[in-house]
PDB file of N, CA and C in Angstrom:
ATOM      1  N   UNK A   1     -37.179  36.098  36.718  1.00  0.00           N
ATOM      2  CA  UNK A   1     -36.358  36.385  38.106  1.00  0.00           C
ATOM      3  C   UNK A   1     -36.980  37.389  38.298  1.00  0.00           C
ATOM      4  N   UNK A   2     -37.214  37.473  39.710  1.00  0.00           N
ATOM      5  CA  UNK A   2     -37.500  38.551  40.911  1.00  0.00           C
ATOM      6  C   UNK A   2     -36.347  39.362  40.795  1.00  0.00           C
ATOM      7  N   UNK A   3     -36.563  40.419  41.064  1.00  0.00           N
ATOM      8  CA  UNK A   3     -35.805  41.426  41.051  1.00  0.00           C
ATOM      9  C   UNK A   3     -35.987  42.403  42.561  1.00  0.00           C
ATOM     10  N   UNK A   4     -35.317  42.458  43.364  1.00  0.00           N
ATOM     11  CA  UNK A   4     -35.330  43.143  44.676  1.00  0.00           C
ATOM     12  C   UNK A   4     -35.479  44.715  44.160  1.00  0.00           C
ATOM     13  N   UNK A   5     -35.409  45.030  43.280  1.00  0.00           N
ATOM     14  CA  UNK A   5     -35.030  46.652  43.057  1.00  0.00           C
ATOM     15  C   UNK A   5     -36.331  46.951  42.597  1.00  0.00           C
ATOM     16  N   UNK A   6     -37.392  46.631  42.137  1.00  0.00           N
ATOM     17  CA  UNK A   6     -38.309  47.065  41.518  1.00  0.00           C
ATOM     18  C   UNK A   6     -39.364  48.309  42.308  1.00  0.00           C
ATOM     19  N   UNK A   7     -39.224  48.420  43.733  1.00  0.00           N
ATOM     20  CA  UNK A   7     -39.758  49.393  44.416  1.00  0.00           C
ATOM     21  C   UNK A   7     -38.993  50.804  44.260  1.00  0.00           C
ATOM     22  N   UNK A   8     -37.765  50.535  44.112  1.00  0.00           N
ATOM     23  CA  UNK A   8     -36.900  51.803  44.145  1.00  0.00           C
ATOM     24  C   UNK A   8     -36.830  52.833  43.017  1.00  0.00           C
ATOM     25  N   UNK A   9     -37.329  54.014  43.195  1.00  0.00           N
ATOM     26  CA  UNK A   9     -36.886  55.037  42.074  1.00  0.00           C
ATOM     27  C   UNK A   9     -35.766  54.769  40.914  1.00  0.00           C
ATOM     28  N   UNK A  10     -35.902  55.275  40.009  1.00  0.00           N
ATOM     29  CA  UNK A  10     -34.841  55.052  38.843  1.00  0.00           C
ATOM     30  C   UNK A  10     -34.544  56.458  38.811  1.00  0.00           C
ATOM     31  N   UNK A  11     -33.179  56.454  39.448  1.00  0.00           N
ATOM     32  CA  UNK A  11     -32.434  58.286  39.338  1.00  0.00           C
ATOM     33  C   UNK A  11     -31.719  58.326  37.930  1.00  0.00           C
ATOM     34  N   UNK A  12     -31.741  59.586  37.544  1.00  0.00           N
ATOM     35  CA  UNK A  12     -31.114  60.072  35.763  1.00  0.00           C
ATOM     36  C   UNK A  12     -29.990  59.649  35.953  1.00  0.00           C
ATOM     37  N   UNK A  13     -29.203  59.279  36.844  1.00  0.00           N
ATOM     38  CA  UNK A  13     -27.616  58.595  36.392  1.00  0.00           C
ATOM     39  C   UNK A  13     -28.197  56.918  36.457  1.00  0.00           C
ATOM     40  N   UNK A  14     -29.117  56.645  36.907  1.00  0.00           N
ATOM     41  CA  UNK A  14     -29.025  55.110  36.990  1.00  0.00           C
ATOM     42  C   UNK A  14     -28.959  54.297  34.987  1.00  0.00           C
ATOM     43  N   UNK A  15     -28.484  53.534  35.099  1.00  0.00           N
ATOM     44  CA  UNK A  15     -28.156  52.645  33.527  1.00  0.00           C
ATOM     45  C   UNK A  15     -29.692  52.631  32.911  1.00  0.00           C
ATOM     46  N   UNK A  16     -29.677  52.513  31.744  1.00  0.00           N
ATOM     47  CA  UNK A  16     -31.059  52.630  30.804  1.00  0.00           C
ATOM     48  C   UNK A  16     -31.860  51.288  31.359  1.00  0.00           C
ATOM     49  N   UNK A  17     -32.984  51.608  31.051  1.00  0.00           N
ATOM     50  CA  UNK A  17     -34.090  50.424  31.531  1.00  0.00           C
ATOM     51  C   UNK A  17     -34.754  49.850  29.954  1.00  0.00           C
ATOM     52  N   UNK A  18     -34.204  50.606  28.759  1.00  0.00           N
ATOM     53  CA  UNK A  18     -34.226  49.972  27.626  1.00  0.00           C
ATOM     54  C   UNK A  18     -34.190  50.724  26.376  1.00  0.00           C
ATOM     55  N   UNK A  19     -34.284  50.533  25.319  1.00  0.00           N
ATOM     56  CA  UNK A  19     -33.890  51.107  23.964  1.00  0.00           C
ATOM     57  C   UNK A  19     -34.653  50.996  22.896  1.00  0.00           C
ATOM     58  N   UNK A  20     -34.569  51.942  22.161  1.00  0.00           N
ATOM     59  CA  UNK A  20     -35.321  52.022  20.615  1.00  0.00           C
ATOM     60  C   UNK A  20     -34.899  52.626  19.857  1.00  0.00           C
ATOM     61  N   UNK A  21     -35.075  52.437  18.210  1.00  0.00           N
ATOM     62  CA  UNK A  21     -34.161  52.897  17.066  1.00  0.00           C
ATOM     63  C   UNK A  21     -34.963  54.458  17.157  1.00  0.00           C
ATOM     64  N   UNK A  22     -34.374  55.262  16.621  1.00  0.00           N
ATOM     65  CA  UNK A  22     -34.634  56.853  16.676  1.00  0.00           C
ATOM     66  C   UNK A  22     -35.148  56.988  15.113  1.00  0.00           C
ATOM     67  N   UNK A  23     -36.273  57.320  14.615  1.00  0.00           N
ATOM     68  CA  UNK A  23     -36.472  58.056  13.545  1.00  0.00           C
ATOM     69  C   UNK A  23     -36.446  59.426  13.615  1.00  0.00           C
ATOM     70  N   UNK A  24     -35.800  60.768  13.048  1.00  0.00           N
ATOM     71  CA  UNK A  24     -35.692  61.589  13.398  1.00  0.00           C
ATOM     72  C   UNK A  24     -37.265  62.271  12.736  1.00  0.00           C
ATOM     73  N   UNK A  25     -37.552  63.550  13.335  1.00  0.00           N
ATOM     74  CA  UNK A  25     -38.995  63.868  13.051  1.00  0.00           C
ATOM     75  C   UNK A  25     -39.132  65.329  13.316  1.00  0.00           C
ATOM     76  N   UNK A  26     -39.563  66.047  12.476  1.00  0.00           N
ATOM     77  CA  UNK A  26     -39.562  67.557  12.669  1.00  0.00           C
ATOM     78  C   UNK A  26     -41.015  67.638  13.477  1.00  0.00           C
ATOM     79  N   UNK A  27     -41.779  66.814  13.568  1.00  0.00           N
ATOM     80  CA  UNK A  27     -42.958  67.179  14.177  1.00  0.00           C
ATOM     81  C   UNK A  27     -43.992  66.239  15.293  1.00  0.00           C
ATOM     82  N   UNK A  28     -43.026  64.998  15.330  1.00  0.00           N
ATOM     83  CA  UNK A  28     -43.502  64.170  15.997  1.00  0.00           C
ATOM     84  C   UNK A  28     -42.652  63.663  17.267  1.00  0.00           C
ATOM     85  N   UNK A  29     -42.765  63.785  18.413  1.00  0.00           N
ATOM     86  CA  UNK A  29     -42.474  63.394  19.590  1.00  0.00           C
ATOM     87  C   UNK A  29     -41.947  61.806  19.657  1.00  0.00           C
ATOM     88  N   UNK A  30     -40.908  61.554  20.426  1.00  0.00           N
ATOM     89  CA  UNK A  30     -40.602  60.134  20.372  1.00  0.00           C
ATOM     90  C   UNK A  30     -41.476  59.057  21.327  1.00  0.00           C
ATOM     91  N   UNK A  31     -41.579  58.144  21.226  1.00  0.00           N
ATOM     92  CA  UNK A  31     -42.315  57.234  21.954  1.00  0.00           C
ATOM     93  C   UNK A  31     -42.024  57.417  23.573  1.00  0.00           C
ATOM     94  N   UNK A  32     -40.729  57.843  23.753  1.00  0.00           N
ATOM     95  CA  UNK A  32     -40.688  57.930  25.090  1.00  0.00           C
ATOM     96  C   UNK A  32     -39.306  59.309  25.393  1.00  0.00           C
ATOM     97  N   UNK A  33     -39.118  59.848  26.081  1.00  0.00           N
ATOM     98  CA  UNK A  33     -38.334  60.757  26.438  1.00  0.00           C
ATOM     99  C   UNK A  33     -36.945  59.725  26.543  1.00  0.00           C
ATOM    100  N   UNK A  34     -36.150  60.296  25.869  1.00  0.00           N
ATOM    101  CA  UNK A  34     -34.738  59.342  26.178  1.00  0.00           C
ATOM    102  C   UNK A  34     -33.805  60.366  27.196  1.00  0.00           C
ATOM    103  N   UNK A  35     -32.914  59.387  27.690  1.00  0.00           N
ATOM    104  CA  UNK A  35     -31.958  59.898  28.738  1.00  0.00           C
ATOM    105  C   UNK A  35     -30.489  59.918  27.657  1.00  0.00           C
ATOM    106  N   UNK A  36     -30.220  58.907  26.777  1.00  0.00           N
ATOM    107  CA  UNK A  36     -29.354  59.063  25.987  1.00  0.00           C
ATOM    108  C   UNK A  36     -29.248  58.766  24.512  1.00  0.00           C
ATOM    109  N   UNK A  37     -28.603  59.011  23.800  1.00  0.00           N
ATOM    110  CA  UNK A  37     -28.151  58.501  22.653  1.00  0.00           C
ATOM    111  C   UNK A  37     -27.231  57.865  21.792  1.00  0.00           C
ATOM    112  N   UNK A  38     -27.182  56.910  21.244  1.00  0.00           N
ATOM    113  CA  UNK A  38     -26.006  56.358  20.588  1.00  0.00           C
ATOM    114  C   UNK A  38     -26.025  56.809  19.310  1.00  0.00           C
ATOM    115  N   UNK A  39     -24.931  57.447  18.507  1.00  0.00           N
ATOM    116  CA  UNK A  39     -24.835  57.387  17.175  1.00  0.00           C
ATOM    117  C   UNK A  39     -24.000  56.261  16.640  1.00  0.00           C
ATOM    118  N   UNK A  40     -24.518  55.395  15.758  1.00  0.00           N
ATOM    119  CA  UNK A  40     -23.971  54.123  15.172  1.00  0.00           C
ATOM    120  C   UNK A  40     -23.599  54.310  14.013  1.00  0.00           C
ATOM    121  N   UNK A  41     -23.751  55.106  13.081  1.00  0.00           N
ATOM    122  CA  UNK A  41     -23.531  55.415  12.044  1.00  0.00           C
ATOM    123  C   UNK A  41     -22.452  56.103  11.769  1.00  0.00           C
ATOM    124  N   UNK A  42     -22.397  56.985  10.729  1.00  0.00           N
ATOM    125  CA  UNK A  42     -21.246  58.229  10.302  1.00  0.00           C
ATOM    126  C   UNK A  42     -21.770  59.387  11.400  1.00  0.00           C
ATOM    127  N   UNK A  43     -20.395  59.751  11.578  1.00  0.00           N
ATOM    128  CA  UNK A  43     -20.426  61.409  12.375  1.00  0.00           C
ATOM    129  C   UNK A  43     -21.308  62.022  11.851  1.00  0.00           C
ATOM    130  N   UNK A  44     -21.686  62.873  12.800  1.00  0.00           N
ATOM    131  CA  UNK A  44     -22.928  64.226  12.480  1.00  0.00           C
ATOM    132  C   UNK A  44     -23.037  65.016  13.492  1.00  0.00           C
ATOM    133  N   UNK A  45     -24.133  65.829  13.124  1.00  0.00           N
ATOM    134  CA  UNK A  45     -24.761  66.878  14.288  1.00  0.00           C
ATOM    135  C   UNK A  45     -26.083  66.101  14.792  1.00  0.00           C
ATOM    136  N   UNK A  46     -26.838  66.542  15.797  1.00  0.00           N
ATOM    137  CA  UNK A  46     -27.590  66.330  16.270  1.00  0.00           C
ATOM    138  C   UNK A  46     -28.675  67.425  16.512  1.00  0.00           C
ATOM    139  N   UNK A  47     -29.903  67.648  16.079  1.00  0.00           N
ATOM    140  CA  UNK A  47     -30.899  68.850  16.579  1.00  0.00           C
ATOM    141  C   UNK A  47     -31.506  68.066  17.423  1.00  0.00           C
ATOM    142  N   UNK A  48     -32.091  68.717  18.605  1.00  0.00           N
ATOM    143  CA  UNK A  48     -32.989  68.117  19.152  1.00  0.00           C
ATOM    144  C   UNK A  48     -33.733  69.070  20.167  1.00  0.00           C
ATOM    145  N   UNK A  49     -35.046  68.547  20.559  1.00  0.00           N
ATOM    146  CA  UNK A  49     -35.915  69.517  21.397  1.00  0.00           C
ATOM    147  C   UNK A  49     -35.671  68.722  22.921  1.00  0.00           C
ATOM    148  N   UNK A  50     -35.138  69.491  24.035  1.00  0.00           N
ATOM    149  CA  UNK A  50     -35.035  68.929  25.265  1.00  0.00           C
ATOM    150  C   UNK A  50     -36.155  68.873  26.086  1.00  0.00           C
ATOM    151  N   UNK A  51     -36.335  68.618  27.313  1.00  0.00           N
ATOM    152  CA  UNK A  51     -37.146  68.187  28.192  1.00  0.00           C
ATOM    153  C   UNK A  51     -37.505  69.878  28.325  1.00  0.00           C
ATOM    154  N   UNK A  52     -37.370  71.078  28.140  1.00  0.00           N
ATOM    155  CA  UNK A  52     -37.869  71.902  28.373  1.00  0.00           C
ATOM    156  C   UNK A  52     -38.364  72.737  27.279  1.00  0.00           C
ATOM    157  N   UNK A  53     -38.442  72.008  25.955  1.00  0.00           N
ATOM    158  CA  UNK A  53     -39.084  72.461  24.972  1.00  0.00           C
ATOM    159  C   UNK A  53     -38.267  73.364  24.190  1.00  0.00           C
ATOM    160  N   UNK A  54     -36.987  73.768  24.360  1.00  0.00           N
ATOM    161  CA  UNK A  54     -36.074  74.290  23.682  1.00  0.00           C
ATOM    162  C   UNK A  54     -35.448  73.586  22.718  1.00  0.00           C
ATOM    163  N   UNK A  55     -34.796  73.850  21.523  1.00  0.00           N
ATOM    164  CA  UNK A  55     -34.354  73.338  20.541  1.00  0.00           C
ATOM    165  C   UNK A  55     -32.840  73.732  20.839  1.00  0.00           C
ATOM    166  N   UNK A  56     -31.892  72.676  20.590  1.00  0.00           N
ATOM    167  CA  UNK A  56     -30.420  72.550  21.041  1.00  0.00           C
ATOM    168  C   UNK A  56     -29.914  71.981  19.411  1.00  0.00           C
ATOM    169  N   UNK A  57     -28.642  71.917  19.254  1.00  0.00           N
ATOM    170  CA  UNK A  57     -27.922  71.852  18.094  1.00  0.00           C
ATOM    171  C   UNK A  57     -26.317  71.539  18.644  1.00  0.00           C
ATOM    172  N   UNK A  58     -25.784  70.178  18.240  1.00  0.00           N
ATOM    173  CA  UNK A  58     -24.793  70.005  18.972  1.00  0.00           C
ATOM    174  C   UNK A  58     -23.410  70.195  17.827  1.00  0.00           C
ATOM    175  N   UNK A  59     -22.377  69.939  18.209  1.00  0.00           N
ATOM    176  CA  UNK A  59     -21.304  70.476  16.685  1.00  0.00           C
ATOM    177  C   UNK A  59     -21.449  68.969  16.440  1.00  0.00           C
ATOM    178  N   UNK A  60     -20.574  68.495  15.521  1.00  0.00           N
ATOM    179  CA  UNK A  60     -20.180  67.517  15.070  1.00  0.00           C
ATOM    180  C   UNK A  60     -19.842  65.915  16.128  1.00  0.00           C
ATOM    181  N   UNK A  61     -20.144  65.249  15.873  1.00  0.00           N
ATOM    182  CA  UNK A  61     -19.914  64.190  17.212  1.00  0.00           C
ATOM    183  C   UNK A  61     -19.735  62.730  16.498  1.00  0.00           C
ATOM    184  N   UNK A  62     -18.908  62.247  16.740  1.00  0.00           N
ATOM    185  CA  UNK A  62     -18.219  60.893  16.028  1.00  0.00           C
ATOM    186  C   UNK A  62     -19.359  60.012  16.771  1.00  0.00           C
ATOM    187  N   UNK A  63     -19.476  58.692  16.094  1.00  0.00           N
ATOM    188  CA  UNK A  63     -19.985  57.752  16.591  1.00  0.00           C
ATOM    189  C   UNK A  63     -19.599  57.096  18.072  1.00  0.00           C
ATOM    190  N   UNK A  64     -20.812  57.149  18.768  1.00  0.00           N
ATOM    191  CA  UNK A  64     -20.691  56.894  20.350  1.00  0.00           C
ATOM    192  C   UNK A  64     -22.104  57.021  20.992  1.00  0.00           C
ATOM    193  N   UNK A  65     -22.264  57.197  22.309  1.00  0.00           N
ATOM    194  CA  UNK A  65     -23.082  57.178  23.158  1.00  0.00           C
ATOM    195  C   UNK A  65     -22.761  58.330  23.951  1.00  0.00           C
ATOM    196  N   UNK A  66     -23.656  59.357  24.044  1.00  0.00           N
ATOM    197  CA  UNK A  66     -23.958  60.879  24.870  1.00  0.00           C
ATOM    198  C   UNK A  66     -25.257  60.954  25.670  1.00  0.00           C
ATOM    199  N   UNK A  67     -25.049  61.568  26.834  1.00  0.00           N
ATOM    200  CA  UNK A  67     -26.142  61.657  27.996  1.00  0.00           C
ATOM    201  C   UNK A  67     -26.831  62.592  27.360  1.00  0.00           C
ATOM    202  N   UNK A  68     -27.973  63.059  27.171  1.00  0.00           N
ATOM    203  CA  UNK A  68     -28.765  64.136  27.084  1.00  0.00           C
ATOM    204  C   UNK A  68     -30.245  63.634  27.138  1.00  0.00           C
ATOM    205  N   UNK A  69     -31.283  64.652  27.363  1.00  0.00           N
ATOM    206  CA  UNK A  69     -32.234  64.446  27.583  1.00  0.00           C
ATOM    207  C   UNK A  69     -33.217  64.875  26.394  1.00  0.00           C
ATOM    208  N   UNK A  70     -34.119  64.114  26.082  1.00  0.00           N
ATOM    209  CA  UNK A  70     -34.768  64.807  24.584  1.00  0.00           C
ATOM    210  C   UNK A  70     -35.908  64.273  24.209  1.00  0.00           C
ATOM    211  N   UNK A  71     -36.885  65.045  24.140  1.00  0.00           N
ATOM    212  CA  UNK A  71     -38.495  64.373  23.380  1.00  0.00           C
ATOM    213  C   UNK A  71     -38.325  64.126  22.129  1.00  0.00           C
ATOM    214  N   UNK A  72     -37.806  64.541  21.269  1.00  0.00           N
ATOM    215  CA  UNK A  72     -37.513  64.601  19.630  1.00  0.00           C
ATOM    216  C   UNK A  72     -36.355  64.934  19.103  1.00  0.00           C
ATOM    217  N   UNK A  73     -35.912  64.168  18.233  1.00  0.00           N
ATOM    218  CA  UNK A  73     -34.645  64.422  17.402  1.00  0.00           C
ATOM    219  C   UNK A  73     -35.321  64.674  16.091  1.00  0.00           C
ATOM    220  N   UNK A  74     -34.790  66.063  15.733  1.00  0.00           N
ATOM    221  CA  UNK A  74     -35.489  67.025  14.826  1.00  0.00           C
ATOM    222  C   UNK A  74     -34.753  66.272  13.160  1.00  0.00           C
ATOM    223  N   UNK A  75     -35.683  65.992  12.580  1.00  0.00           N
ATOM    224  CA  UNK A  75     -35.031  65.521  10.975  1.00  0.00           C
ATOM    225  C   UNK A  75     -34.151  66.740  10.107  1.00  0.00           C
ATOM    226  N   UNK A  76     -34.828  67.785  10.388  1.00  0.00           N
ATOM    227  CA  UNK A  76     -34.200  69.258   9.634  1.00  0.00           C
ATOM    228  C   UNK A  76     -32.645  69.060  10.468  1.00  0.00           C
ATOM    229  N   UNK A  77     -31.643  69.534  10.073  1.00  0.00           N
ATOM    230  CA  UNK A  77     -30.433  69.561  10.696  1.00  0.00           C
ATOM    231  C   UNK A  77     -29.670  68.537  11.528  1.00  0.00           C
ATOM    232  N   UNK A  78     -30.367  67.148  11.765  1.00  0.00           N
ATOM    233  CA  UNK A  78     -29.715  66.050  12.433  1.00  0.00           C
ATOM    234  C   UNK A  78     -28.903  65.288  11.016  1.00  0.00           C
ATOM    235  N   UNK A  79     -27.633  65.227  10.899  1.00  0.00           N
ATOM    236  CA  UNK A  79     -27.178  64.395  10.012  1.00  0.00           C
ATOM    237  C   UNK A  79     -26.141  63.066  10.629  1.00  0.00           C
ATOM    238  N   UNK A  80     -26.292  63.132  12.037  1.00  0.00           N
ATOM    239  CA  UNK A  80     -25.923  61.903  12.307  1.00  0.00           C
ATOM    240  C   UNK A  80     -26.850  60.563  12.028  1.00  0.00           C
ATOM    241  N   UNK A  81     -26.392  59.418  11.685  1.00  0.00           N
ATOM    242  CA  UNK A  81     -27.004  57.957  11.317  1.00  0.00           C
ATOM    243  C   UNK A  81     -27.000  57.373  12.454  1.00  0.00           C
ATOM    244  N   UNK A  82     -27.989  56.172  12.380  1.00  0.00           N
ATOM    245  CA  UNK A  82     -28.235  54.829  12.607  1.00  0.00           C
ATOM    246  C   UNK A  82     -28.238  55.771  14.622  1.00  0.00           C
ATOM    247  N   UNK A  83     -29.431  55.897  14.719  1.00  0.00           N
ATOM    248  CA  UNK A  83     -29.542  56.384  16.397  1.00  0.00           C
ATOM    249  C   UNK A  83     -30.299  55.642  17.124  1.00  0.00           C
ATOM    250  N   UNK A  84     -29.626  55.477  18.090  1.00  0.00           N
ATOM    251  CA  UNK A  84     -30.659  54.412  19.279  1.00  0.00           C
ATOM    252  C   UNK A  84     -30.787  55.542  20.658  1.00  0.00           C
ATOM    253  N   UNK A  85     -32.277  55.634  20.945  1.00  0.00           N
ATOM    254  CA  UNK A  85     -32.476  56.101  22.370  1.00  0.00           C
ATOM    255  C   UNK A  85     -32.650  55.355  23.573  1.00  0.00           C
ATOM    256  N   UNK A  86     -32.049  55.798  24.517  1.00  0.00           N
ATOM    257  CA  UNK A  86     -31.872  55.128  25.744  1.00  0.00           C
ATOM    258  C   UNK A  86     -32.865  55.511  26.798  1.00  0.00           C
ATOM    259  N   UNK A  87     -33.599  54.639  27.252  1.00  0.00           N
ATOM    260  CA  UNK A  87     -34.894  55.131  28.174  1.00  0.00           C
ATOM    261  C   UNK A  87     -34.441  54.675  29.596  1.00  0.00           C
TER     262      UNK A  87
END
């Protein structure tokens, strides 16, 4: 199917174009910077490296989707489970 929108820029508030399972790591960036994360399992804390290189820690989040830019979800300090990254 041809889409008439291929020549348009994708804004930060646009819907996601894809998704992947996140395996938290203290040393390796994800394959792509995410614009949102879904916690599909148990509630927990996310510890992540933002696009600015700074490390951030959330409070305890229930399962659901959260808008945030991140290049890495850290294993140390992240207790949320079944994570999906949206690009």
